[in-house]
C-alpha atoms as a PDB file:
ATOM      1  CA  MET A   1    -151.125  84.483-110.546  1.00  0.00           C
ATOM      2  CA  GLN A   2    -151.509  86.100-113.971  1.00  0.00           C
ATOM      3  CA  SER A   3    -149.022  86.180-116.814  1.00  0.00           C
ATOM      4  CA  PRO A   4    -149.210  87.888-120.234  1.00  0.00           C
ATOM      5  CA  ASN A   5    -148.002  84.717-121.953  1.00  0.00           C
ATOM      6  CA  MET A   6    -151.040  82.548-121.238  1.00  0.00           C
ATOM      7  CA  THR A   7    -153.201  83.484-124.213  1.00  0.00           C
ATOM      8  CA  GLN A   8    -151.950  80.916-126.732  1.00  0.00           C
ATOM      9  CA  LYS A   9    -153.529  77.462-126.915  1.00  0.00           C
ATOM     10  CA  PRO A  10    -150.913  74.783-127.614  1.00  0.00           C
ATOM     11  CA  ASP A  11    -151.792  71.414-129.086  1.00  0.00           C
ATOM     12  CA  VAL A  12    -151.309  68.759-126.387  1.00  0.00           C
ATOM     13  CA  LYS A  13    -150.932  65.061-127.208  1.00  0.00           C
ATOM     14  CA  ALA A  14    -150.946  62.640-124.268  1.00  0.00           C
ATOM     15  CA  PHE A  15    -149.238  59.236-124.027  1.00  0.00           C
ATOM     16  CA  PHE A  16    -150.221  56.858-121.211  1.00  0.00           C
ATOM     17  CA  ASP A  17    -147.773  54.315-119.754  1.00  0.00           C
ATOM     18  CA  THR A  18    -149.637  51.403-118.173  1.00  0.00           C
ATOM     19  CA  GLN A  19    -146.662  50.157-116.124  1.00  0.00           C
ATOM     20  CA  SER A  20    -146.387  53.326-114.047  1.00  0.00           C
ATOM     21  CA  ASN A  21    -149.720  55.076-114.780  1.00  0.00           C
ATOM     22  CA  THR A  22    -147.673  58.001-116.116  1.00  0.00           C
ATOM     23  CA  ILE A  23    -148.947  60.458-118.697  1.00  0.00           C
ATOM     24  CA  SER A  24    -146.275  61.988-120.925  1.00  0.00           C
ATOM     25  CA  TYR A  25    -146.964  64.819-123.337  1.00  0.00           C
ATOM     26  CA  VAL A  26    -145.920  66.349-126.628  1.00  0.00           C
ATOM     27  CA  VAL A  27    -146.804  70.042-126.540  1.00  0.00           C
ATOM     28  CA  LYS A  28    -146.809  71.928-129.864  1.00  0.00           C
ATOM     29  CA  ASP A  29    -146.550  75.667-130.374  1.00  0.00           C
ATOM     30  CA  PRO A  30    -149.746  76.650-132.284  1.00  0.00           C
ATOM     31  CA  GLN A  31    -147.808  79.059-134.513  1.00  0.00           C
ATOM     32  CA  SER A  32    -144.953  76.816-135.631  1.00  0.00           C
ATOM     33  CA  THR A  33    -143.723  73.219-135.815  1.00  0.00           C
ATOM     34  CA  SER A  34    -141.751  73.561-132.552  1.00  0.00           C
ATOM     35  CA  CYS A  35    -142.660  71.288-129.663  1.00  0.00           C
ATOM     36  CA  ALA A  36    -141.660  70.055-126.212  1.00  0.00           C
ATOM     37  CA  VAL A  37    -141.797  66.653-124.537  1.00  0.00           C
ATOM     38  CA  ILE A  38    -142.835  66.451-120.876  1.00  0.00           C
ATOM     39  CA  ASP A  39    -142.046  63.552-118.490  1.00  0.00           C
ATOM     40  CA  ALA A  40    -140.977  60.914-121.003  1.00  0.00           C
ATOM     41  CA  VAL A  41    -140.910  57.275-119.849  1.00  0.00           C
ATOM     42  CA  MET A  42    -138.445  54.427-120.387  1.00  0.00           C
ATOM     43  CA  GLN A  43    -139.808  50.940-119.644  1.00  0.00           C
ATOM     44  CA  PHE A  44    -137.972  48.731-117.149  1.00  0.00           C
ATOM     45  CA  ASP A  45    -138.549  45.052-116.440  1.00  0.00           C
ATOM     46  CA  TYR A  46    -137.255  44.910-112.862  1.00  0.00           C
ATOM     47  CA  ALA A  47    -137.241  41.104-112.602  1.00  0.00           C
ATOM     48  CA  ALA A  48    -135.234  40.698-115.806  1.00  0.00           C
ATOM     49  CA  GLY A  49    -133.147  43.853-115.420  1.00  0.00           C
ATOM     50  CA  ARG A  50    -134.083  44.834-118.954  1.00  0.00           C
ATOM     51  CA  LEU A  51    -134.751  48.263-120.486  1.00  0.00           C
ATOM     52  CA  SER A  52    -137.048  49.031-123.412  1.00  0.00           C
ATOM     53  CA  TYR A  53    -138.344  52.133-125.121  1.00  0.00           C
ATOM     54  CA  GLU A  54    -141.900  51.531-126.320  1.00  0.00           C
ATOM     55  CA  SER A  55    -143.338  54.746-124.865  1.00  0.00           C
ATOM     56  CA  ALA A  56    -140.436  56.913-126.013  1.00  0.00           C
ATOM     57  CA  ASP A  57    -140.570  55.403-129.505  1.00  0.00           C
ATOM     58  CA  GLU A  58    -144.290  56.173-129.699  1.00  0.00           C
ATOM     59  CA  MET A  59    -143.572  59.825-128.893  1.00  0.00           C
ATOM     60  CA  ILE A  60    -140.685  59.934-131.366  1.00  0.00           C
ATOM     61  CA  ASP A  61    -142.886  58.462-134.122  1.00  0.00           C
ATOM     62  CA  TYR A  62    -145.574  61.054-133.390  1.00  0.00           C
ATOM     63  CA  ILE A  63    -143.083  63.931-133.604  1.00  0.00           C
ATOM     64  CA  ILE A  64    -141.550  62.636-136.848  1.00  0.00           C
ATOM     65  CA  HIS A  65    -144.933  61.838-138.454  1.00  0.00           C
ATOM     66  CA  ASN A  66    -146.166  65.371-137.745  1.00  0.00           C
ATOM     67  CA  GLN A  67    -142.876  66.914-138.907  1.00  0.00           C
ATOM     68  CA  LEU A  68    -142.275  68.665-135.596  1.00  0.00           C
ATOM     69  CA  THR A  69    -139.042  70.117-134.246  1.00  0.00           C
ATOM     70  CA  LEU A  70    -138.239  69.123-130.677  1.00  0.00           C
ATOM     71  CA  GLU A  71    -136.822  72.023-128.677  1.00  0.00           C
ATOM     72  CA  TRP A  72    -137.312  71.009-125.036  1.00  0.00           C
ATOM     73  CA  ILE A  73    -137.469  67.770-123.049  1.00  0.00           C
ATOM     74  CA  ILE A  74    -138.893  68.790-119.676  1.00  0.00           C
ATOM     75  CA  GLU A  75    -138.797  66.828-116.432  1.00  0.00           C
ATOM     76  CA  THR A  76    -141.297  68.223-113.922  1.00  0.00           C
ATOM     77  CA  HIS A  77    -139.285  66.567-111.103  1.00  0.00           C
ATOM     78  CA  VAL A  78    -137.130  63.541-110.282  1.00  0.00           C
ATOM     79  CA  HIS A  79    -139.704  60.787-110.680  1.00  0.00           C
ATOM     80  CA  ALA A  80    -139.768  57.903-108.209  1.00  0.00           C
ATOM     81  CA  ASP A  81    -142.052  55.557-110.136  1.00  0.00           C
ATOM     82  CA  HIS A  82    -140.601  55.389-113.647  1.00  0.00           C
ATOM     83  CA  LEU A  83    -137.297  55.784-115.446  1.00  0.00           C
ATOM     84  CA  SER A  84    -136.905  58.798-117.708  1.00  0.00           C
ATOM     85  CA  GLY A  85    -136.791  58.397-121.463  1.00  0.00           C
ATOM     86  CA  ALA A  86    -135.299  61.880-121.914  1.00  0.00           C
ATOM     87  CA  PRO A  87    -131.760  60.990-123.083  1.00  0.00           C
ATOM     88  CA  TYR A  88    -133.077  58.367-125.513  1.00  0.00           C
ATOM     89  CA  ILE A  89    -135.406  60.906-127.120  1.00  0.00           C
ATOM     90  CA  GLN A  90    -132.677  63.556-127.150  1.00  0.00           C
ATOM     91  CA  GLN A  91    -130.317  61.169-128.942  1.00  0.00           C
ATOM     92  CA  LYS A  92    -132.944  60.587-131.636  1.00  0.00           C
ATOM     93  CA  LEU A  93    -134.387  64.089-132.052  1.00  0.00           C
ATOM     94  CA  GLY A  94    -132.238  66.643-130.217  1.00  0.00           C
ATOM     95  CA  GLY A  95    -133.679  69.209-127.835  1.00  0.00           C
ATOM     96  CA  LYS A  96    -132.528  70.431-124.416  1.00  0.00           C
ATOM     97  CA  ILE A  97    -133.277  68.506-121.224  1.00  0.00           C
ATOM     98  CA  GLY A  98    -134.489  70.785-118.430  1.00  0.00           C
ATOM     99  CA  ILE A  99    -135.399  70.366-114.755  1.00  0.00           C
ATOM    100  CA  GLY A 100    -135.748  72.592-111.696  1.00  0.00           C
ATOM    101  CA  LYS A 101    -132.561  74.006-110.144  1.00  0.00           C
ATOM    102  CA  HIS A 102    -133.291  72.259-106.862  1.00  0.00           C
ATOM    103  CA  ILE A 103    -132.276  68.997-108.546  1.00  0.00           C
ATOM    104  CA  GLN A 104    -129.015  69.800-106.759  1.00  0.00           C
ATOM    105  CA  THR A 105    -130.733  69.205-103.403  1.00  0.00           C
ATOM    106  CA  VAL A 106    -132.163  65.921-104.666  1.00  0.00           C
ATOM    107  CA  GLN A 107    -128.783  64.832-106.008  1.00  0.00           C
ATOM    108  CA  GLU A 108    -127.092  65.587-102.703  1.00  0.00           C
ATOM    109  CA  THR A 109    -129.735  63.648-100.755  1.00  0.00           C
ATOM    110  CA  PHE A 110    -129.877  60.585-102.968  1.00  0.00           C
ATOM    111  CA  GLY A 111    -126.207  60.645-103.871  1.00  0.00           C
ATOM    112  CA  LYS A 112    -125.611  59.756-100.222  1.00  0.00           C
ATOM    113  CA  ILE A 113    -128.389  57.172-100.042  1.00  0.00           C
ATOM    114  CA  PHE A 114    -127.093  55.373-103.132  1.00  0.00           C
ATOM    115  CA  ASN A 115    -123.425  55.897-102.210  1.00  0.00           C
ATOM    116  CA  ALA A 116    -122.811  57.510-105.591  1.00  0.00           C
ATOM    117  CA  GLU A 117    -119.131  57.800-106.357  1.00  0.00           C
ATOM    118  CA  THR A 118    -117.193  61.069-106.424  1.00  0.00           C
ATOM    119  CA  GLU A 119    -117.546  61.308-110.222  1.00  0.00           C
ATOM    120  CA  PHE A 120    -121.311  61.772-109.774  1.00  0.00           C
ATOM    121  CA  GLU A 121    -121.633  65.545-109.977  1.00  0.00           C
ATOM    122  CA  ARG A 122    -124.222  67.005-107.620  1.00  0.00           C
ATOM    123  CA  ASP A 123    -124.551  70.351-109.386  1.00  0.00           C
ATOM    124  CA  GLY A 124    -127.221  69.484-111.949  1.00  0.00           C
ATOM    125  CA  SER A 125    -124.678  69.549-114.777  1.00  0.00           C
ATOM    126  CA  GLN A 126    -126.184  66.375-116.280  1.00  0.00           C
ATOM    127  CA  PHE A 127    -129.075  68.539-117.485  1.00  0.00           C
ATOM    128  CA  ASP A 128    -128.925  71.185-120.220  1.00  0.00           C
ATOM    129  CA  LYS A 129    -131.049  73.694-118.320  1.00  0.00           C
ATOM    130  CA  LEU A 130    -131.801  74.233-114.629  1.00  0.00           C
ATOM    131  CA  PHE A 131    -134.981  76.277-114.261  1.00  0.00           C
ATOM    132  CA  GLU A 132    -135.349  78.765-111.440  1.00  0.00           C
ATOM    133  CA  ASP A 133    -138.664  79.968-110.067  1.00  0.00           C
ATOM    134  CA  LYS A 134    -140.508  82.171-112.619  1.00  0.00           C
ATOM    135  CA  ASP A 135    -137.971  81.457-115.379  1.00  0.00           C
ATOM    136  CA  THR A 136    -139.317  82.063-118.876  1.00  0.00           C
ATOM    137  CA  TYR A 137    -138.429  80.272-122.109  1.00  0.00           C
ATOM    138  CA  GLN A 138    -139.778  79.744-125.628  1.00  0.00           C
ATOM    139  CA  ILE A 139    -141.179  76.863-127.615  1.00  0.00           C
ATOM    140  CA  GLY A 140    -141.091  78.336-131.093  1.00  0.00           C
ATOM    141  CA  GLU A 141    -143.240  81.486-130.828  1.00  0.00           C
ATOM    142  CA  MET A 142    -144.949  80.412-127.596  1.00  0.00           C
ATOM    143  CA  ALA A 143    -143.806  81.977-124.329  1.00  0.00           C
ATOM    144  CA  CYS A 144    -143.604  79.586-121.373  1.00  0.00           C
ATOM    145  CA  PHE A 145    -142.631  79.835-117.723  1.00  0.00           C
ATOM    146  CA  ALA A 146    -141.960  77.574-114.753  1.00  0.00           C
ATOM    147  CA  ILE A 147    -142.881  77.948-111.094  1.00  0.00           C
ATOM    148  CA  HIS A 148    -141.143  76.169-108.241  1.00  0.00           C
ATOM    149  CA  THR A 149    -143.626  73.908-106.430  1.00  0.00           C
ATOM    150  CA  PRO A 150    -141.762  71.956-103.707  1.00  0.00           C
ATOM    151  CA  GLY A 151    -143.476  69.547-101.339  1.00  0.00           C
ATOM    152  CA  HIS A 152    -143.594  66.253-103.203  1.00  0.00           C
ATOM    153  CA  THR A 153    -139.866  66.709-103.897  1.00  0.00           C
ATOM    154  CA  PRO A 154    -137.606  69.774-103.486  1.00  0.00           C
ATOM    155  CA  ALA A 155    -137.159  70.081-107.259  1.00  0.00           C
ATOM    156  CA  CYS A 156    -140.793  69.973-108.415  1.00  0.00           C
ATOM    157  CA  MET A 157    -141.861  72.598-110.938  1.00  0.00           C
ATOM    158  CA  VAL A 158    -145.114  73.288-112.744  1.00  0.00           C
ATOM    159  CA  HIS A 159    -144.581  74.396-116.348  1.00  0.00           C
ATOM    160  CA  ILE A 160    -147.060  76.771-117.964  1.00  0.00           C
ATOM    161  CA  MET A 161    -147.101  76.746-121.765  1.00  0.00           C
ATOM    162  CA  GLY A 162    -149.666  79.151-123.145  1.00  0.00           C
ATOM    163  CA  ASP A 163    -152.996  78.263-121.501  1.00  0.00           C
ATOM    164  CA  ALA A 164    -151.756  74.786-120.450  1.00  0.00           C
ATOM    165  CA  ALA A 165    -150.137  73.973-117.082  1.00  0.00           C
ATOM    166  CA  PHE A 166    -148.320  70.694-116.475  1.00  0.00           C
ATOM    167  CA  SER A 167    -148.497  69.860-112.794  1.00  0.00           C
ATOM    168  CA  GLY A 168    -146.161  66.869-112.496  1.00  0.00           C
ATOM    169  CA  ASP A 169    -147.078  65.142-109.225  1.00  0.00           C
ATOM    170  CA  THR A 170    -148.132  68.305-107.394  1.00  0.00           C
ATOM    171  CA  LEU A 171    -151.803  67.827-108.296  1.00  0.00           C
ATOM    172  CA  PHE A 172    -153.764  64.866-109.619  1.00  0.00           C
ATOM    173  CA  MET A 173    -157.231  64.880-111.152  1.00  0.00           C
ATOM    174  CA  PRO A 174    -159.829  66.381-108.759  1.00  0.00           C
ATOM    175  CA  ASP A 175    -160.959  62.949-107.538  1.00  0.00           C
ATOM    176  CA  GLY A 176    -157.317  61.883-107.077  1.00  0.00           C
ATOM    177  CA  GLY A 177    -156.271  64.782-104.851  1.00  0.00           C
ATOM    178  CA  SER A 178    -152.590  65.495-104.330  1.00  0.00           C
ATOM    179  CA  ALA A 179    -149.204  63.790-104.327  1.00  0.00           C
ATOM    180  CA  ARG A 180    -147.530  62.176-101.338  1.00  0.00           C
ATOM    181  CA  ALA A 181    -145.012  64.268 -99.406  1.00  0.00           C
ATOM    182  CA  ASP A 182    -143.062  61.663 -97.434  1.00  0.00           C
ATOM    183  CA  PHE A 183    -140.044  61.088 -99.684  1.00  0.00           C
ATOM    184  CA  PRO A 184    -136.698  62.504 -98.427  1.00  0.00           C
ATOM    185  CA  GLY A 185    -136.956  66.287 -98.866  1.00  0.00           C
ATOM    186  CA  GLY A 186    -140.753  66.226 -99.098  1.00  0.00           C
ATOM    187  CA  ASP A 187    -142.960  68.395 -96.885  1.00  0.00           C
ATOM    188  CA  ALA A 188    -146.763  68.437 -96.655  1.00  0.00           C
ATOM    189  CA  GLY A 189    -146.921  72.089 -95.638  1.00  0.00           C
ATOM    190  CA  GLN A 190    -144.754  73.101 -98.589  1.00  0.00           C
ATOM    191  CA  LEU A 191    -146.958  71.001-100.844  1.00  0.00           C
ATOM    192  CA  PHE A 192    -150.080  72.852 -99.694  1.00  0.00           C
ATOM    193  CA  ASP A 193    -148.382  76.212-100.310  1.00  0.00           C
ATOM    194  CA  SER A 194    -147.268  75.085-103.763  1.00  0.00           C
ATOM    195  CA  ILE A 195    -150.761  73.904-104.655  1.00  0.00           C
ATOM    196  CA  SER A 196    -152.173  77.240-103.494  1.00  0.00           C
ATOM    197  CA  GLN A 197    -149.785  78.951-105.888  1.00  0.00           C
ATOM    198  CA  VAL A 198    -150.945  76.747-108.762  1.00  0.00           C
ATOM    199  CA  LEU A 199    -154.599  77.387-107.928  1.00  0.00           C
ATOM    200  CA  SER A 200    -153.959  81.127-108.216  1.00  0.00           C
ATOM    201  CA  LEU A 201    -153.590  80.686-111.969  1.00  0.00           C
ATOM    202  CA  PRO A 202    -156.605  81.844-114.017  1.00  0.00           C
ATOM    203  CA  ASP A 203    -159.642  79.565-113.724  1.00  0.00           C
ATOM    204  CA  GLU A 204    -159.690  78.746-117.432  1.00  0.00           C
ATOM    205  CA  VAL A 205    -156.124  77.389-117.534  1.00  0.00           C
ATOM    206  CA  ARG A 206    -156.029  73.749-118.641  1.00  0.00           C
ATOM    207  CA  LEU A 207    -154.201  71.543-116.137  1.00  0.00           C
ATOM    208  CA  PHE A 208    -152.499  68.321-117.250  1.00  0.00           C
ATOM    209  CA  VAL A 209    -151.462  65.765-114.632  1.00  0.00           C
ATOM    210  CA  CYS A 210    -148.510  63.350-114.680  1.00  0.00           C
ATOM    211  CA  HIS A 211    -150.321  60.361-113.151  1.00  0.00           C
ATOM    212  CA  ASP A 212    -153.826  58.981-112.968  1.00  0.00           C
ATOM    213  CA  TYR A 213    -155.048  55.756-111.368  1.00  0.00           C
ATOM    214  CA  GLY A 214    -158.747  55.860-112.269  1.00  0.00           C
ATOM    215  CA  PRO A 215    -160.239  56.183-108.757  1.00  0.00           C
ATOM    216  CA  GLY A 216    -163.437  54.200-108.357  1.00  0.00           C
ATOM    217  CA  GLY A 217    -162.802  52.384-111.615  1.00  0.00           C
ATOM    218  CA  ARG A 218    -163.382  55.405-113.879  1.00  0.00           C
ATOM    219  CA  ALA A 219    -161.520  55.734-117.189  1.00  0.00           C
ATOM    220  CA  ILE A 220    -157.986  57.117-117.057  1.00  0.00           C
ATOM    221  CA  SER A 221    -158.020  60.918-117.427  1.00  0.00           C
ATOM    222  CA  TRP A 222    -155.387  63.622-117.487  1.00  0.00           C
ATOM    223  CA  GLU A 223    -156.910  67.001-118.346  1.00  0.00           C
ATOM    224  CA  THR A 224    -158.794  69.275-115.984  1.00  0.00           C
ATOM    225  CA  THR A 225    -158.885  73.030-115.275  1.00  0.00           C
ATOM    226  CA  ILE A 226    -157.879  75.299-112.431  1.00  0.00           C
ATOM    227  CA  ARG A 227    -161.577  76.036-111.865  1.00  0.00           C
ATOM    228  CA  GLU A 228    -162.388  72.353-111.517  1.00  0.00           C
ATOM    229  CA  GLN A 229    -159.487  71.842-109.126  1.00  0.00           C
ATOM    230  CA  LYS A 230    -160.593  74.729-106.902  1.00  0.00           C
ATOM    231  CA  ASN A 231    -164.184  73.517-106.879  1.00  0.00           C
ATOM    232  CA  SER A 232    -163.759  69.760-106.646  1.00  0.00           C
ATOM    233  CA  ASN A 233    -160.286  68.549-105.648  1.00  0.00           C
ATOM    234  CA  ILE A 234    -160.831  66.146-102.753  1.00  0.00           C
ATOM    235  CA  HIS A 235    -157.735  67.349-100.873  1.00  0.00           C
ATOM    236  CA  VAL A 236    -157.500  71.083-101.620  1.00  0.00           C
ATOM    237  CA  GLY A 237    -160.813  72.157-103.146  1.00  0.00           C
ATOM    238  CA  LYS A 238    -163.354  74.562-101.667  1.00  0.00           C
ATOM    239  CA  GLY A 239    -160.809  76.544 -99.663  1.00  0.00           C
ATOM    240  CA  ALA A 240    -159.176  73.656 -97.788  1.00  0.00           C
ATOM    241  CA  ASP A 241    -157.413  74.462 -94.500  1.00  0.00           C
ATOM    242  CA  ARG A 242    -153.611  74.163 -94.458  1.00  0.00           C
ATOM    243  CA  ASP A 243    -153.371  72.443 -91.065  1.00  0.00           C
ATOM    244  CA  ALA A 244    -156.102  69.980 -91.975  1.00  0.00           C
ATOM    245  CA  PHE A 245    -154.362  69.212 -95.268  1.00  0.00           C
ATOM    246  CA  VAL A 246    -151.012  68.582 -93.542  1.00  0.00           C
ATOM    247  CA  ALA A 247    -152.647  66.253 -91.009  1.00  0.00           C
ATOM    248  CA  MET A 248    -154.491  64.378 -93.760  1.00  0.00           C
ATOM    249  CA  ARG A 249    -151.415  64.110 -95.951  1.00  0.00           C
ATOM    250  CA  GLU A 250    -149.122  62.877 -93.184  1.00  0.00           C
ATOM    251  CA  GLU A 251    -151.640  60.296 -91.958  1.00  0.00           C
ATOM    252  CA  ARG A 252    -152.277  59.079 -95.491  1.00  0.00           C
ATOM    253  CA  ASP A 253    -148.590  58.962 -96.474  1.00  0.00           C
ATOM    254  CA  ALA A 254    -147.700  56.858 -93.432  1.00  0.00           C
ATOM    255  CA  LYS A 255    -149.838  54.044 -94.878  1.00  0.00           C
ATOM    256  CA  LEU A 256    -148.501  54.156 -98.455  1.00  0.00           C
ATOM    257  CA  ALA A 257    -146.052  51.592 -99.799  1.00  0.00           C
ATOM    258  CA  MET A 258    -142.983  52.744-101.687  1.00  0.00           C
ATOM    259  CA  PRO A 259    -143.368  52.869-105.489  1.00  0.00           C
ATOM    260  CA  LYS A 260    -142.245  49.591-107.074  1.00  0.00           C
ATOM    261  CA  LEU A 261    -139.575  51.255-109.217  1.00  0.00           C
ATOM    262  CA  ILE A 262    -138.304  53.851-106.731  1.00  0.00           C
ATOM    263  CA  ILE A 263    -134.804  52.328-106.365  1.00  0.00           C
ATOM    264  CA  PRO A 264    -133.930  52.227-110.083  1.00  0.00           C
ATOM    265  CA  SER A 265    -135.891  55.390-110.885  1.00  0.00           C
ATOM    266  CA  LEU A 266    -134.081  57.676-108.460  1.00  0.00           C
ATOM    267  CA  GLN A 267    -130.629  56.448-109.474  1.00  0.00           C
ATOM    268  CA  VAL A 268    -131.380  57.006-113.143  1.00  0.00           C
ATOM    269  CA  ASN A 269    -133.490  60.150-113.010  1.00  0.00           C
ATOM    270  CA  MET A 270    -131.098  62.151-110.818  1.00  0.00           C
ATOM    271  CA  ARG A 271    -128.617  61.575-113.661  1.00  0.00           C
ATOM    272  CA  ALA A 272    -130.995  63.055-116.287  1.00  0.00           C
ATOM    273  CA  GLY A 273    -132.047  59.573-117.378  1.00  0.00           C
ATOM    274  CA  GLU A 274    -128.576  58.095-117.841  1.00  0.00           C
ATOM    275  CA  ILE A 275    -127.957  54.639-116.374  1.00  0.00           C
ATOM    276  CA  PRO A 276    -125.056  54.462-113.851  1.00  0.00           C
ATOM    277  CA  ARG A 277    -122.188  52.108-114.690  1.00  0.00           C
ATOM    278  CA  ASP A 278    -119.971  49.854-112.634  1.00  0.00           C
ATOM    279  CA  ASP A 279    -116.152  49.707-112.661  1.00  0.00           C
ATOM    280  CA  THR A 280    -116.164  47.606-115.809  1.00  0.00           C
ATOM    281  CA  GLY A 281    -118.378  50.060-117.718  1.00  0.00           C
ATOM    282  CA  ASN A 282    -121.494  47.914-117.621  1.00  0.00           C
ATOM    283  CA  MET A 283    -124.831  49.499-116.760  1.00  0.00           C
ATOM    284  CA  ALA A 284    -125.646  48.592-113.163  1.00  0.00           C
ATOM    285  CA  LEU A 285    -127.903  49.683-110.306  1.00  0.00           C
ATOM    286  CA  LYS A 286    -127.466  49.579-106.539  1.00  0.00           C
ATOM    287  CA  ILE A 287    -129.961  48.467-103.915  1.00  0.00           C
ATOM    288  CA  PRO A 288    -129.428  50.402-100.674  1.00  0.00           C
ATOM    289  CA  LEU A 289    -130.861  48.632 -97.631  1.00  0.00           C
ATOM    290  CA  ASN A 290    -132.937  50.332 -94.906  1.00  0.00           C
ATOM    291  CA  LYS A 291    -132.400  53.798 -96.402  1.00  0.00           C
ATOM    292  CA  LEU A 292    -135.791  54.707 -97.889  1.00  0.00           C
END
């Protein structure tokens, strides 16, 4: 895959959340003060039922200190392991919250699982922008585009901003492999096809991952390249076979525990980061039993 808008080199600042091993990013257009935020995190103490905003505040402070203008707040997908800090950042700095159009599929699936009331719209209207496959957009003077990469979830998208691609959970660092595909709406075969599409980007493209767990005790990392992924990724490198990948992924996924924050994360993130409320107007979450 080649695009004429991959020649610019944006400045990328990473922010690591230790609770969920999530890496969030501020991506700056090299020709202006415009920037985007990718996969922002809100902290949640599950035992206490308490929210906090340390990670989001760190990103906000960085943007203000560097006198940047926030234009986009991008969600690569509906995360199952952390709550989104997108609306908190938007309230402080503005910007448009965007996610893939297939959020509608996710909302329909999990709206049923969580017995979301009729006022919960399942059309993606909670977000400011629903990206379709190959949609283009701007961050200041920098041309960007998004590609639909289902498999981990139906709504996953990889965003390419200049020479930088943000893979969400589709790909991890080469020694981390690929994301699980066993959530409702996930599909290992689709995931392989999506990864193949990402690996068709030019070799020199920088690839930034959403999670890293430091396999083997190495330091946490988040930047690699398409060339390194093709050569070294333990699940899809060196021309991996689709059938073998599907078999590996399904066997591996069957042994994985659910993410610790999946129940609050899905309820919040399918609403663009807003917390659902009960009949009295208080923020409240549901715990569906035997549904996930």
